[in-house]
Amino acid sequence: MQRILLLVVVLLVAWRILAAIGRRMSENSPGADSFSRFSPEARRRRTQRSGDPRETVEELVECISCGTFVPTGRALSSGDDRVFCSEFCRQREATTSDNEQG
């Protein structure tokens, strides 16, 4: 009887250890975003540090020179309502408009 009780206790301890390992592996396992640049753990940490992820969403605007969409925080603008994705596109548009005028 003691052997059966000892076997049951050993199996119960082994089951609890394996369950804890399985939970830990499922938390750290790559999910649907495993092909992203950041690991799932880093993504969780960034989300936790930034607070509410909806606060960091920026509107996308289209570059009038090449048509690339960029966040408003990274977009470059000229004096008027024109928006550019880079300094190269801004200069290209300026030289294009200069050539058309002259």
PDB file of N, CA and C in Angstrom:
ATOM      1  N   MET A   1       0.814  -1.200   0.000  1.00  0.00           N
ATOM      2  CA  MET A   1       0.000   0.000   0.000  1.00  0.00           C
ATOM      3  C   MET A   1       0.855   1.260   0.000  1.00  0.00           C
ATOM      4  N   GLN A   2       1.968   1.217   0.730  1.00  0.00           N
ATOM      5  CA  GLN A   2       2.858   2.373   0.784  1.00  0.00           C
ATOM      6  C   GLN A   2       3.506   2.634  -0.570  1.00  0.00           C
ATOM      7  N   ARG A   3       3.813   1.590  -1.289  1.00  0.00           N
ATOM      8  CA  ARG A   3       4.423   1.752  -2.606  1.00  0.00           C
ATOM      9  C   ARG A   3       3.445   2.422  -3.573  1.00  0.00           C
ATOM     10  N   ILE A   4       2.187   2.035  -3.507  1.00  0.00           N
ATOM     11  CA  ILE A   4       1.180   2.641  -4.379  1.00  0.00           C
ATOM     12  C   ILE A   4       1.017   4.117  -4.030  1.00  0.00           C
ATOM     13  N   LEU A   5       0.955   4.435  -2.756  1.00  0.00           N
ATOM     14  CA  LEU A   5       0.833   5.818  -2.322  1.00  0.00           C
ATOM     15  C   LEU A   5       2.058   6.632  -2.742  1.00  0.00           C
ATOM     16  N   LEU A   6       3.260   6.070  -2.586  1.00  0.00           N
ATOM     17  CA  LEU A   6       4.483   6.741  -3.003  1.00  0.00           C
ATOM     18  C   LEU A   6       4.479   6.957  -4.520  1.00  0.00           C
ATOM     19  N   LEU A   7       4.035   5.985  -5.290  1.00  0.00           N
ATOM     20  CA  LEU A   7       3.960   6.109  -6.740  1.00  0.00           C
ATOM     21  C   LEU A   7       2.988   7.212  -7.143  1.00  0.00           C
ATOM     22  N   VAL A   8       1.846   7.298  -6.472  1.00  0.00           N
ATOM     23  CA  VAL A   8       0.861   8.332  -6.771  1.00  0.00           C
ATOM     24  C   VAL A   8       1.438   9.724  -6.471  1.00  0.00           C
ATOM     25  N   VAL A   9       2.136   9.869  -5.366  1.00  0.00           N
ATOM     26  CA  VAL A   9       2.732  11.143  -4.997  1.00  0.00           C
ATOM     27  C   VAL A   9       3.810  11.536  -6.011  1.00  0.00           C
ATOM     28  N   VAL A  10       4.654  10.593  -6.417  1.00  0.00           N
ATOM     29  CA  VAL A  10       5.695  10.880  -7.392  1.00  0.00           C
ATOM     30  C   VAL A  10       5.073  11.290  -8.727  1.00  0.00           C
ATOM     31  N   LEU A  11       4.041  10.591  -9.167  1.00  0.00           N
ATOM     32  CA  LEU A  11       3.371  10.932 -10.411  1.00  0.00           C
ATOM     33  C   LEU A  11       2.703  12.308 -10.327  1.00  0.00           C
ATOM     34  N   LEU A  12       2.117  12.630  -9.185  1.00  0.00           N
ATOM     35  CA  LEU A  12       1.491  13.935  -9.002  1.00  0.00           C
ATOM     36  C   LEU A  12       2.527  15.059  -9.069  1.00  0.00           C
ATOM     37  N   VAL A  13       3.670  14.872  -8.429  1.00  0.00           N
ATOM     38  CA  VAL A  13       4.734  15.879  -8.464  1.00  0.00           C
ATOM     39  C   VAL A  13       5.271  16.026  -9.895  1.00  0.00           C
ATOM     40  N   ALA A  14       5.486  14.924 -10.578  1.00  0.00           N
ATOM     41  CA  ALA A  14       5.980  14.972 -11.954  1.00  0.00           C
ATOM     42  C   ALA A  14       4.959  15.679 -12.860  1.00  0.00           C
ATOM     43  N   TRP A  15       3.674  15.391 -12.663  1.00  0.00           N
ATOM     44  CA  TRP A  15       2.632  16.033 -13.464  1.00  0.00           C
ATOM     45  C   TRP A  15       2.629  17.545 -13.245  1.00  0.00           C
ATOM     46  N   ARG A  16       2.767  17.988 -11.992  1.00  0.00           N
ATOM     47  CA  ARG A  16       2.785  19.423 -11.686  1.00  0.00           C
ATOM     48  C   ARG A  16       4.009  20.108 -12.305  1.00  0.00           C
ATOM     49  N   ILE A  17       5.160  19.439 -12.257  1.00  0.00           N
ATOM     50  CA  ILE A  17       6.370  20.003 -12.846  1.00  0.00           C
ATOM     51  C   ILE A  17       6.219  20.126 -14.355  1.00  0.00           C
ATOM     52  N   LEU A  18       5.723  19.091 -15.002  1.00  0.00           N
ATOM     53  CA  LEU A  18       5.537  19.128 -16.448  1.00  0.00           C
ATOM     54  C   LEU A  18       4.489  20.156 -16.861  1.00  0.00           C
ATOM     55  N   ALA A  19       3.446  20.319 -16.063  1.00  0.00           N
ATOM     56  CA  ALA A  19       2.427  21.328 -16.366  1.00  0.00           C
ATOM     57  C   ALA A  19       3.017  22.732 -16.272  1.00  0.00           C
ATOM     58  N   ALA A  20       3.859  22.971 -15.278  1.00  0.00           N
ATOM     59  CA  ALA A  20       4.497  24.289 -15.130  1.00  0.00           C
ATOM     60  C   ALA A  20       5.446  24.564 -16.293  1.00  0.00           C
ATOM     61  N   ILE A  21       6.189  23.562 -16.719  1.00  0.00           N
ATOM     62  CA  ILE A  21       7.090  23.723 -17.855  1.00  0.00           C
ATOM     63  C   ILE A  21       6.288  24.003 -19.124  1.00  0.00           C
ATOM     64  N   GLY A  22       5.191  23.284 -19.316  1.00  0.00           N
ATOM     65  CA  GLY A  22       4.350  23.503 -20.489  1.00  0.00           C
ATOM     66  C   GLY A  22       3.753  24.899 -20.524  1.00  0.00           C
ATOM     67  N   ARG A  23       3.306  25.394 -19.379  1.00  0.00           N
ATOM     68  CA  ARG A  23       2.766  26.754 -19.319  1.00  0.00           C
ATOM     69  C   ARG A  23       3.836  27.777 -19.668  1.00  0.00           C
ATOM     70  N   ARG A  24       5.020  27.583 -19.138  1.00  0.00           N
ATOM     71  CA  ARG A  24       6.114  28.517 -19.404  1.00  0.00           C
ATOM     72  C   ARG A  24       6.498  28.490 -20.878  1.00  0.00           C
ATOM     73  N   MET A  25       6.504  27.319 -21.485  1.00  0.00           N
ATOM     74  CA  MET A  25       6.846  27.217 -22.905  1.00  0.00           C
ATOM     75  C   MET A  25       5.771  27.860 -23.783  1.00  0.00           C
ATOM     76  N   SER A  26       4.507  27.715 -23.400  1.00  0.00           N
ATOM     77  CA  SER A  26       3.445  28.319 -24.216  1.00  0.00           C
ATOM     78  C   SER A  26       3.451  29.834 -24.105  1.00  0.00           C
ATOM     79  N   GLU A  27       3.875  30.378 -22.974  1.00  0.00           N
ATOM     80  CA  GLU A  27       3.969  31.831 -22.823  1.00  0.00           C
ATOM     81  C   GLU A  27       5.113  32.393 -23.655  1.00  0.00           C
ATOM     82  N   ASN A  28       6.205  31.658 -23.773  1.00  0.00           N
ATOM     83  CA  ASN A  28       7.383  32.137 -24.486  1.00  0.00           C
ATOM     84  C   ASN A  28       7.438  31.670 -25.928  1.00  0.00           C
ATOM     85  N   SER A  29       6.488  30.868 -26.343  1.00  0.00           N
ATOM     86  CA  SER A  29       6.551  30.329 -27.696  1.00  0.00           C
ATOM     87  C   SER A  29       6.202  31.401 -28.719  1.00  0.00           C
ATOM     88  N   PRO A  30       6.793  31.297 -29.897  1.00  0.00           N
ATOM     89  CA  PRO A  30       6.449  32.274 -30.932  1.00  0.00           C
ATOM     90  C   PRO A  30       5.028  32.050 -31.411  1.00  0.00           C
ATOM     91  N   GLY A  31       4.317  33.126 -31.556  1.00  0.00           N
ATOM     92  CA  GLY A  31       2.929  33.034 -31.998  1.00  0.00           C
ATOM     93  C   GLY A  31       2.804  33.487 -33.436  1.00  0.00           C
ATOM     94  N   ALA A  32       1.708  34.112 -33.746  1.00  0.00           N
ATOM     95  CA  ALA A  32       1.462  34.569 -35.107  1.00  0.00           C
ATOM     96  C   ALA A  32       2.446  35.653 -35.516  1.00  0.00           C
ATOM     97  N   ASP A  33       2.990  36.374 -34.536  1.00  0.00           N
ATOM     98  CA  ASP A  33       3.928  37.436 -34.874  1.00  0.00           C
ATOM     99  C   ASP A  33       5.373  36.965 -34.798  1.00  0.00           C
ATOM    100  N   SER A  34       5.613  35.656 -34.917  1.00  0.00           N
ATOM    101  CA  SER A  34       6.971  35.147 -34.810  1.00  0.00           C
ATOM    102  C   SER A  34       7.831  35.558 -35.992  1.00  0.00           C
ATOM    103  N   PHE A  35       7.214  35.990 -37.092  1.00  0.00           N
ATOM    104  CA  PHE A  35       7.983  36.416 -38.247  1.00  0.00           C
ATOM    105  C   PHE A  35       8.289  37.899 -38.200  1.00  0.00           C
ATOM    106  N   SER A  36       7.887  38.561 -37.130  1.00  0.00           N
ATOM    107  CA  SER A  36       8.158  39.990 -37.023  1.00  0.00           C
ATOM    108  C   SER A  36       9.606  40.209 -36.625  1.00  0.00           C
ATOM    109  N   ARG A  37      10.015  41.447 -36.640  1.00  0.00           N
ATOM    110  CA  ARG A  37      11.391  41.793 -36.320  1.00  0.00           C
ATOM    111  C   ARG A  37      11.698  41.580 -34.843  1.00  0.00           C
ATOM    112  N   PHE A  38      10.695  41.668 -34.015  1.00  0.00           N
ATOM    113  CA  PHE A  38      10.892  41.565 -32.581  1.00  0.00           C
ATOM    114  C   PHE A  38      10.300  40.263 -32.061  1.00  0.00           C
ATOM    115  N   SER A  39      10.888  39.726 -31.033  1.00  0.00           N
ATOM    116  CA  SER A  39      10.362  38.511 -30.430  1.00  0.00           C
ATOM    117  C   SER A  39       9.059  38.835 -29.703  1.00  0.00           C
ATOM    118  N   PRO A  40       8.219  37.838 -29.458  1.00  0.00           N
ATOM    119  CA  PRO A  40       6.959  38.101 -28.746  1.00  0.00           C
ATOM    120  C   PRO A  40       7.182  38.722 -27.366  1.00  0.00           C
ATOM    121  N   GLU A  41       8.271  38.317 -26.692  1.00  0.00           N
ATOM    122  CA  GLU A  41       8.539  38.890 -25.362  1.00  0.00           C
ATOM    123  C   GLU A  41       8.854  40.387 -25.481  1.00  0.00           C
ATOM    124  N   ALA A  42       9.664  40.741 -26.467  1.00  0.00           N
ATOM    125  CA  ALA A  42      10.004  42.158 -26.649  1.00  0.00           C
ATOM    126  C   ALA A  42       8.774  42.959 -27.034  1.00  0.00           C
ATOM    127  N   ARG A  43       7.894  42.373 -27.847  1.00  0.00           N
ATOM    128  CA  ARG A  43       6.666  43.057 -28.239  1.00  0.00           C
ATOM    129  C   ARG A  43       5.797  43.310 -27.010  1.00  0.00           C
ATOM    130  N   ARG A  44       5.689  42.309 -26.119  1.00  0.00           N
ATOM    131  CA  ARG A  44       4.891  42.497 -24.905  1.00  0.00           C
ATOM    132  C   ARG A  44       5.488  43.593 -24.028  1.00  0.00           C
ATOM    133  N   ARG A  45       6.819  43.594 -23.887  1.00  0.00           N
ATOM    134  CA  ARG A  45       7.455  44.613 -23.058  1.00  0.00           C
ATOM    135  C   ARG A  45       7.249  46.005 -23.635  1.00  0.00           C
ATOM    136  N   ARG A  46       7.364  46.155 -24.966  1.00  0.00           N
ATOM    137  CA  ARG A  46       7.142  47.459 -25.577  1.00  0.00           C
ATOM    138  C   ARG A  46       5.723  47.926 -25.359  1.00  0.00           C
ATOM    139  N   THR A  47       4.753  47.017 -25.482  1.00  0.00           N
ATOM    140  CA  THR A  47       3.354  47.373 -25.289  1.00  0.00           C
ATOM    141  C   THR A  47       3.100  47.766 -23.841  1.00  0.00           C
ATOM    142  N   GLN A  48       3.721  47.035 -22.917  1.00  0.00           N
ATOM    143  CA  GLN A  48       3.519  47.357 -21.502  1.00  0.00           C
ATOM    144  C   GLN A  48       4.147  48.697 -21.156  1.00  0.00           C
ATOM    145  N   ARG A  49       5.319  48.995 -21.712  1.00  0.00           N
ATOM    146  CA  ARG A  49       5.976  50.264 -21.415  1.00  0.00           C
ATOM    147  C   ARG A  49       5.227  51.446 -21.996  1.00  0.00           C
ATOM    148  N   SER A  50       4.675  51.256 -23.180  1.00  0.00           N
ATOM    149  CA  SER A  50       4.027  52.389 -23.833  1.00  0.00           C
ATOM    150  C   SER A  50       2.627  52.650 -23.284  1.00  0.00           C
ATOM    151  N   GLY A  51       2.106  51.743 -22.498  1.00  0.00           N
ATOM    152  CA  GLY A  51       0.765  51.935 -21.959  1.00  0.00           C
ATOM    153  C   GLY A  51      -0.277  51.495 -22.961  1.00  0.00           C
ATOM    154  N   ASP A  52      -1.205  52.357 -23.246  1.00  0.00           N
ATOM    155  CA  ASP A  52      -2.281  52.037 -24.176  1.00  0.00           C
ATOM    156  C   ASP A  52      -1.755  52.126 -25.612  1.00  0.00           C
ATOM    157  N   PRO A  53      -1.777  51.016 -26.372  1.00  0.00           N
ATOM    158  CA  PRO A  53      -1.230  51.070 -27.725  1.00  0.00           C
ATOM    159  C   PRO A  53      -2.018  51.975 -28.659  1.00  0.00           C
ATOM    160  N   ARG A  54      -3.265  52.289 -28.342  1.00  0.00           N
ATOM    161  CA  ARG A  54      -4.056  53.171 -29.208  1.00  0.00           C
ATOM    162  C   ARG A  54      -3.567  54.609 -29.154  1.00  0.00           C
ATOM    163  N   GLU A  55      -2.842  54.975 -28.096  1.00  0.00           N
ATOM    164  CA  GLU A  55      -2.349  56.342 -27.969  1.00  0.00           C
ATOM    165  C   GLU A  55      -1.228  56.634 -28.958  1.00  0.00           C
ATOM    166  N   THR A  56      -0.503  55.608 -29.400  1.00  0.00           N
ATOM    167  CA  THR A  56       0.656  55.817 -30.252  1.00  0.00           C
ATOM    168  C   THR A  56       0.331  55.702 -31.738  1.00  0.00           C
ATOM    169  N   VAL A  57      -0.909  55.508 -32.105  1.00  0.00           N
ATOM    170  CA  VAL A  57      -1.275  55.352 -33.503  1.00  0.00           C
ATOM    171  C   VAL A  57      -1.229  56.713 -34.186  1.00  0.00           C
ATOM    172  N   GLU A  58      -0.535  56.755 -35.318  1.00  0.00           N
ATOM    173  CA  GLU A  58      -0.440  57.992 -36.087  1.00  0.00           C
ATOM    174  C   GLU A  58      -1.156  57.825 -37.417  1.00  0.00           C
ATOM    175  N   GLU A  59      -1.668  58.911 -37.915  1.00  0.00           N
ATOM    176  CA  GLU A  59      -2.327  58.900 -39.215  1.00  0.00           C
ATOM    177  C   GLU A  59      -1.271  58.817 -40.309  1.00  0.00           C
ATOM    178  N   LEU A  60      -1.577  58.111 -41.384  1.00  0.00           N
ATOM    179  CA  LEU A  60      -0.672  58.010 -42.522  1.00  0.00           C
ATOM    180  C   LEU A  60      -1.045  59.047 -43.572  1.00  0.00           C
ATOM    181  N   VAL A  61      -0.027  59.680 -44.134  1.00  0.00           N
ATOM    182  CA  VAL A  61      -0.230  60.639 -45.208  1.00  0.00           C
ATOM    183  C   VAL A  61       0.584  60.178 -46.414  1.00  0.00           C
ATOM    184  N   GLU A  62       0.147  60.564 -47.598  1.00  0.00           N
ATOM    185  CA  GLU A  62       0.789  60.105 -48.826  1.00  0.00           C
ATOM    186  C   GLU A  62       1.761  61.152 -49.364  1.00  0.00           C
ATOM    187  N   CYS A  63       2.946  60.708 -49.731  1.00  0.00           N
ATOM    188  CA  CYS A  63       3.945  61.572 -50.353  1.00  0.00           C
ATOM    189  C   CYS A  63       3.459  61.930 -51.758  1.00  0.00           C
ATOM    190  N   ILE A  64       3.463  63.212 -52.086  1.00  0.00           N
ATOM    191  CA  ILE A  64       2.955  63.606 -53.402  1.00  0.00           C
ATOM    192  C   ILE A  64       3.947  63.300 -54.513  1.00  0.00           C
ATOM    193  N   SER A  65       5.196  63.049 -54.149  1.00  0.00           N
ATOM    194  CA  SER A  65       6.212  62.778 -55.161  1.00  0.00           C
ATOM    195  C   SER A  65       6.232  61.320 -55.595  1.00  0.00           C
ATOM    196  N   CYS A  66       6.225  60.399 -54.627  1.00  0.00           N
ATOM    197  CA  CYS A  66       6.358  58.980 -54.978  1.00  0.00           C
ATOM    198  C   CYS A  66       5.157  58.136 -54.574  1.00  0.00           C
ATOM    199  N   GLY A  67       4.250  58.679 -53.766  1.00  0.00           N
ATOM    200  CA  GLY A  67       3.049  57.939 -53.386  1.00  0.00           C
ATOM    201  C   GLY A  67       3.205  57.054 -52.170  1.00  0.00           C
ATOM    202  N   THR A  68       4.341  57.117 -51.498  1.00  0.00           N
ATOM    203  CA  THR A  68       4.569  56.312 -50.297  1.00  0.00           C
ATOM    204  C   THR A  68       3.793  56.898 -49.123  1.00  0.00           C
ATOM    205  N   PHE A  69       3.191  56.024 -48.320  1.00  0.00           N
ATOM    206  CA  PHE A  69       2.486  56.470 -47.127  1.00  0.00           C
ATOM    207  C   PHE A  69       3.448  56.467 -45.946  1.00  0.00           C
ATOM    208  N   VAL A  70       3.482  57.565 -45.199  1.00  0.00           N
ATOM    209  CA  VAL A  70       4.348  57.706 -44.032  1.00  0.00           C
ATOM    210  C   VAL A  70       3.528  58.239 -42.860  1.00  0.00           C
ATOM    211  N   PRO A  71       3.934  57.933 -41.613  1.00  0.00           N
ATOM    212  CA  PRO A  71       3.241  58.502 -40.454  1.00  0.00           C
ATOM    213  C   PRO A  71       3.416  60.016 -40.423  1.00  0.00           C
ATOM    214  N   THR A  72       2.439  60.710 -39.904  1.00  0.00           N
ATOM    215  CA  THR A  72       2.495  62.176 -39.878  1.00  0.00           C
ATOM    216  C   THR A  72       3.692  62.693 -39.094  1.00  0.00           C
ATOM    217  N   GLY A  73       4.116  61.961 -38.081  1.00  0.00           N
ATOM    218  CA  GLY A  73       5.266  62.398 -37.293  1.00  0.00           C
ATOM    219  C   GLY A  73       6.566  62.345 -38.058  1.00  0.00           C
ATOM    220  N   ARG A  74       6.646  61.501 -39.084  1.00  0.00           N
ATOM    221  CA  ARG A  74       7.867  61.357 -39.865  1.00  0.00           C
ATOM    222  C   ARG A  74       7.807  62.077 -41.200  1.00  0.00           C
ATOM    223  N   ALA A  75       6.662  62.561 -41.562  1.00  0.00           N
ATOM    224  CA  ALA A  75       6.480  63.196 -42.866  1.00  0.00           C
ATOM    225  C   ALA A  75       7.108  64.586 -42.879  1.00  0.00           C
ATOM    226  N   LEU A  76       7.630  64.965 -44.037  1.00  0.00           N
ATOM    227  CA  LEU A  76       8.189  66.303 -44.238  1.00  0.00           C
ATOM    228  C   LEU A  76       7.190  67.115 -45.042  1.00  0.00           C
ATOM    229  N   SER A  77       7.054  68.369 -44.696  1.00  0.00           N
ATOM    230  CA  SER A  77       6.101  69.195 -45.434  1.00  0.00           C
ATOM    231  C   SER A  77       6.815  70.417 -45.997  1.00  0.00           C
ATOM    232  N   SER A  78       6.226  70.938 -47.060  1.00  0.00           N
ATOM    233  CA  SER A  78       6.731  72.189 -47.615  1.00  0.00           C
ATOM    234  C   SER A  78       5.897  73.306 -47.022  1.00  0.00           C
ATOM    235  N   GLY A  79       6.048  74.486 -47.527  1.00  0.00           N
ATOM    236  CA  GLY A  79       5.306  75.621 -46.990  1.00  0.00           C
ATOM    237  C   GLY A  79       3.804  75.480 -47.137  1.00  0.00           C
ATOM    238  N   ASP A  80       3.360  74.821 -48.190  1.00  0.00           N
ATOM    239  CA  ASP A  80       1.925  74.639 -48.393  1.00  0.00           C
ATOM    240  C   ASP A  80       1.498  73.274 -47.849  1.00  0.00           C
ATOM    241  N   ASP A  81       0.424  72.727 -48.353  1.00  0.00           N
ATOM    242  CA  ASP A  81      -0.116  71.470 -47.817  1.00  0.00           C
ATOM    243  C   ASP A  81       0.532  70.225 -48.403  1.00  0.00           C
ATOM    244  N   ARG A  82       1.597  70.364 -49.154  1.00  0.00           N
ATOM    245  CA  ARG A  82       2.246  69.203 -49.760  1.00  0.00           C
ATOM    246  C   ARG A  82       3.069  68.452 -48.724  1.00  0.00           C
ATOM    247  N   VAL A  83       3.037  67.110 -48.796  1.00  0.00           N
ATOM    248  CA  VAL A  83       3.722  66.252 -47.829  1.00  0.00           C
ATOM    249  C   VAL A  83       4.678  65.332 -48.580  1.00  0.00           C
ATOM    250  N   PHE A  84       5.873  65.140 -48.013  1.00  0.00           N
ATOM    251  CA  PHE A  84       6.900  64.291 -48.619  1.00  0.00           C
ATOM    252  C   PHE A  84       7.371  63.237 -47.631  1.00  0.00           C
ATOM    253  N   CYS A  85       7.819  62.101 -48.159  1.00  0.00           N
ATOM    254  CA  CYS A  85       8.294  61.020 -47.289  1.00  0.00           C
ATOM    255  C   CYS A  85       9.768  61.198 -46.927  1.00  0.00           C
ATOM    256  N   SER A  86      10.526  61.899 -47.760  1.00  0.00           N
ATOM    257  CA  SER A  86      11.954  62.072 -47.497  1.00  0.00           C
ATOM    258  C   SER A  86      12.439  63.387 -48.099  1.00  0.00           C
ATOM    259  N   GLU A  87      13.643  63.733 -47.713  1.00  0.00           N
ATOM    260  CA  GLU A  87      14.259  64.947 -48.257  1.00  0.00           C
ATOM    261  C   GLU A  87      14.515  64.774 -49.746  1.00  0.00           C
ATOM    262  N   PHE A  88      14.835  63.561 -50.178  1.00  0.00           N
ATOM    263  CA  PHE A  88      15.061  63.286 -51.595  1.00  0.00           C
ATOM    264  C   PHE A  88      13.807  63.599 -52.420  1.00  0.00           C
ATOM    265  N   CYS A  89      12.646  63.149 -51.945  1.00  0.00           N
ATOM    266  CA  CYS A  89      11.394  63.421 -52.667  1.00  0.00           C
ATOM    267  C   CYS A  89      11.076  64.911 -52.672  1.00  0.00           C
ATOM    268  N   ARG A  90      11.387  65.586 -51.581  1.00  0.00           N
ATOM    269  CA  ARG A  90      11.134  67.024 -51.520  1.00  0.00           C
ATOM    270  C   ARG A  90      11.984  67.758 -52.550  1.00  0.00           C
ATOM    271  N   GLN A  91      13.262  67.396 -52.633  1.00  0.00           N
ATOM    272  CA  GLN A  91      14.156  68.044 -53.601  1.00  0.00           C
ATOM    273  C   GLN A  91      13.778  67.673 -55.028  1.00  0.00           C
ATOM    274  N   ARG A  92      13.388  66.422 -55.253  1.00  0.00           N
ATOM    275  CA  ARG A  92      12.992  65.993 -56.587  1.00  0.00           C
ATOM    276  C   ARG A  92      11.764  66.767 -57.058  1.00  0.00           C
ATOM    277  N   GLU A  93      10.813  66.969 -56.166  1.00  0.00           N
ATOM    278  CA  GLU A  93       9.609  67.728 -56.521  1.00  0.00           C
ATOM    279  C   GLU A  93       9.953  69.194 -56.786  1.00  0.00           C
ATOM    280  N   ALA A  94      10.897  69.719 -56.005  1.00  0.00           N
ATOM    281  CA  ALA A  94      11.293  71.127 -56.214  1.00  0.00           C
ATOM    282  C   ALA A  94      11.979  71.290 -57.555  1.00  0.00           C
ATOM    283  N   THR A  95      12.868  70.372 -57.920  1.00  0.00           N
ATOM    284  CA  THR A  95      13.542  70.487 -59.214  1.00  0.00           C
ATOM    285  C   THR A  95      12.569  70.233 -60.362  1.00  0.00           C
ATOM    286  N   THR A  96      11.600  69.350 -60.173  1.00  0.00           N
ATOM    287  CA  THR A  96      10.607  69.097 -61.208  1.00  0.00           C
ATOM    288  C   THR A  96       9.750  70.331 -61.436  1.00  0.00           C
ATOM    289  N   SER A  97       9.329  70.978 -60.360  1.00  0.00           N
ATOM    290  CA  SER A  97       8.491  72.174 -60.513  1.00  0.00           C
ATOM    291  C   SER A  97       9.305  73.335 -61.081  1.00  0.00           C
ATOM    292  N   ASP A  98      10.601  73.411 -60.756  1.00  0.00           N
ATOM    293  CA  ASP A  98      11.476  74.456 -61.334  1.00  0.00           C
ATOM    294  C   ASP A  98      11.641  74.248 -62.838  1.00  0.00           C
ATOM    295  N   ASN A  99      11.788  72.994 -63.252  1.00  0.00           N
ATOM    296  CA  ASN A  99      11.949  72.693 -64.680  1.00  0.00           C
ATOM    297  C   ASN A  99      10.673  72.997 -65.459  1.00  0.00           C
ATOM    298  N   GLU A 100       9.528  72.776 -64.841  1.00  0.00           N
ATOM    299  CA  GLU A 100       8.260  73.047 -65.517  1.00  0.00           C
ATOM    300  C   GLU A 100       8.025  74.539 -65.666  1.00  0.00           C
ATOM    301  N   GLN A 101       8.483  75.309 -64.673  1.00  0.00           N
ATOM    302  CA  GLN A 101       8.273  76.765 -64.721  1.00  0.00           C
ATOM    303  C   GLN A 101       9.211  77.435 -65.717  1.00  0.00           C
ATOM    304  N   GLY A 102      10.437  76.935 -65.806  1.00  0.00           N
ATOM    305  CA  GLY A 102      11.416  77.644 -66.621  1.00  0.00           C
ATOM    306  C   GLY A 102      11.814  76.979 -67.858  1.00  0.00           C
TER     307      GLY A 102
END
